[in-house]
Amino acid sequence: MSWMFSVVLTIHILVGLAVIGLVLMQHGKGADMGAAFGSGASGSLFGASGSANFLSRTTGILAAIFFVTSLTLAYVASSKPKTTGSLMQETVQSETVSPAAQTAGEAPANAADAASKAKDIPK
């Protein structure tokens, strides 16, 4: 995994969590009527309508950053080289001892291979 992929993925996760938090903090459209009867929204840090503006803009900016990081992650993941063959083929090829090594009299790489009775089974 390249360092750029790790950085973009970290930013993507943090921005996603921030968007979730900001959406949960925002009031719905029906919350304005409750604020008119003294729910305390007018005494907030940004004023009665200031918090809605600030939270909406921040959510929009973070959503745009989330969209850009999503596209970046998709591009980086699709630009990785494709492997050919299957995982089983690669495993079998890496475990087999080359014929040159067998004729040279080298011992098998694993002691269990030497004691295996699978070689004695006729095909």
Protein backbone atom coordinates (compact mmCIF):
# COMPACT_ATOMS: atom_id res chain seq x y z
CA MET A 1 0.00 0.00 0.00
CA SER A 2 1.53 3.27 -1.04
CA TRP A 3 1.86 6.16 1.38
CA MET A 4 -0.42 8.35 -0.79
CA PHE A 5 -3.22 5.78 -0.59
CA SER A 6 -2.83 5.65 3.20
CA VAL A 7 -2.97 9.43 3.55
CA VAL A 8 -6.02 9.80 1.30
CA LEU A 9 -7.79 6.93 3.07
CA THR A 10 -7.13 8.52 6.48
CA ILE A 11 -8.48 11.88 5.29
CA HIS A 12 -11.49 10.13 3.75
CA ILE A 13 -12.37 8.38 7.00
CA LEU A 14 -11.94 11.52 9.12
CA VAL A 15 -14.03 13.64 6.76
CA GLY A 16 -16.72 10.95 6.68
CA LEU A 17 -16.93 10.94 10.46
CA ALA A 18 -17.05 14.75 10.51
CA VAL A 19 -19.92 14.80 7.99
CA ILE A 20 -21.84 12.30 10.11
CA GLY A 21 -21.32 14.44 13.21
CA LEU A 22 -22.34 17.67 11.49
CA VAL A 23 -25.47 16.15 9.99
CA LEU A 24 -26.51 14.84 13.39
CA MET A 25 -25.93 18.27 14.99
CA GLN A 26 -28.14 20.13 12.51
CA HIS A 27 -31.76 20.86 13.24
CA GLY A 28 -34.52 19.76 10.92
CA LYS A 29 -36.97 22.14 9.27
CA GLY A 30 -39.46 21.65 12.09
CA ALA A 31 -36.96 22.73 14.73
CA ASP A 32 -37.52 26.44 13.96
CA MET A 33 -41.00 26.33 15.45
CA GLY A 34 -39.62 24.83 18.65
CA ALA A 35 -37.00 27.58 18.81
CA ALA A 36 -39.74 30.21 18.65
CA PHE A 37 -41.20 28.88 21.90
CA GLY A 38 -37.97 29.09 23.84
CA SER A 39 -35.96 25.95 23.22
CA GLY A 40 -32.77 27.97 23.57
CA ALA A 41 -31.54 28.07 19.97
CA SER A 42 -31.50 31.86 19.93
CA GLY A 43 -28.89 31.88 22.68
CA SER A 44 -26.49 29.65 20.82
CA LEU A 45 -22.95 30.59 19.86
CA PHE A 46 -23.83 31.71 16.33
CA GLY A 47 -27.24 33.23 17.02
CA ALA A 48 -30.65 31.97 15.93
CA SER A 49 -29.87 31.56 12.22
CA GLY A 50 -26.08 31.72 12.30
CA SER A 51 -25.59 28.15 13.45
CA ALA A 52 -27.70 26.77 10.63
CA ASN A 53 -25.71 28.73 8.07
CA PHE A 54 -22.35 27.73 9.53
CA LEU A 55 -23.27 24.05 9.88
CA SER A 56 -24.79 23.91 6.38
CA ARG A 57 -21.75 25.46 4.75
CA THR A 58 -19.32 23.30 6.68
CA THR A 59 -21.30 20.18 5.80
CA GLY A 60 -21.27 21.18 2.13
CA ILE A 61 -17.52 21.76 2.12
CA LEU A 62 -16.83 18.46 3.90
CA ALA A 63 -19.16 16.64 1.52
CA ALA A 64 -17.19 18.04 -1.44
CA ILE A 65 -13.91 16.91 0.16
CA PHE A 66 -15.45 13.47 0.78
CA PHE A 67 -16.46 13.26 -2.89
CA VAL A 68 -12.96 14.22 -4.06
CA THR A 69 -11.26 11.71 -1.77
CA SER A 70 -13.69 9.00 -2.96
CA LEU A 71 -12.72 9.67 -6.57
CA THR A 72 -9.03 9.75 -5.66
CA LEU A 73 -9.24 6.41 -3.85
CA ALA A 74 -11.06 4.86 -6.81
CA TYR A 75 -8.41 6.15 -9.22
CA VAL A 76 -5.50 4.95 -7.09
CA ALA A 77 -7.08 1.53 -6.60
CA SER A 78 -7.81 1.09 -10.32
CA SER A 79 -4.31 2.14 -11.39
CA LYS A 80 -2.62 -0.72 -9.50
CA PRO A 81 -1.19 -3.39 -11.80
CA LYS A 82 -3.42 -6.37 -12.37
CA THR A 83 -2.07 -9.78 -11.40
CA THR A 84 -2.34 -12.67 -13.78
CA GLY A 85 -3.27 -16.15 -12.71
CA SER A 86 -4.79 -17.28 -9.48
CA LEU A 87 -3.52 -17.27 -5.95
CA MET A 88 -3.41 -21.07 -5.95
CA GLN A 89 -1.18 -21.13 -9.04
CA GLU A 90 1.25 -18.68 -7.46
CA THR A 91 1.32 -20.71 -4.23
CA VAL A 92 1.98 -23.99 -6.01
CA GLN A 93 4.72 -22.43 -8.13
CA SER A 94 6.46 -20.93 -5.10
CA GLU A 95 6.34 -24.20 -3.11
CA THR A 96 7.71 -26.50 -5.77
CA VAL A 97 11.43 -27.12 -5.86
CA SER A 98 13.04 -26.47 -9.21
CA PRO A 99 14.29 -29.55 -11.15
CA ALA A 100 17.84 -28.17 -11.11
CA ALA A 101 17.77 -28.05 -7.32
CA GLN A 102 16.50 -31.64 -7.13
CA THR A 103 19.26 -32.98 -9.37
CA ALA A 104 21.88 -31.10 -7.39
CA GLY A 105 20.85 -33.12 -4.35
CA GLU A 106 19.52 -30.25 -2.28
CA ALA A 107 17.23 -31.15 0.59
CA PRO A 108 13.61 -30.10 0.45
CA ALA A 109 12.87 -26.71 1.98
CA ASN A 110 10.60 -28.23 4.58
CA ALA A 111 11.27 -31.28 6.77
CA ALA A 112 7.59 -32.24 6.51
CA ASP A 113 8.01 -32.54 2.73
CA ALA A 114 10.78 -35.12 3.21
CA ALA A 115 8.67 -37.23 5.56
CA SER A 116 5.47 -36.88 3.54
CA LYS A 117 3.85 -40.07 2.37
CA ALA A 118 2.05 -38.24 -0.42
CA LYS A 119 4.94 -39.13 -2.77
CA ASP A 120 4.30 -42.85 -2.18
CA ILE A 121 0.69 -42.70 -3.42
CA PRO A 122 0.49 -43.97 -7.01
CA LYS A 123 -1.16 -41.71 -9.53
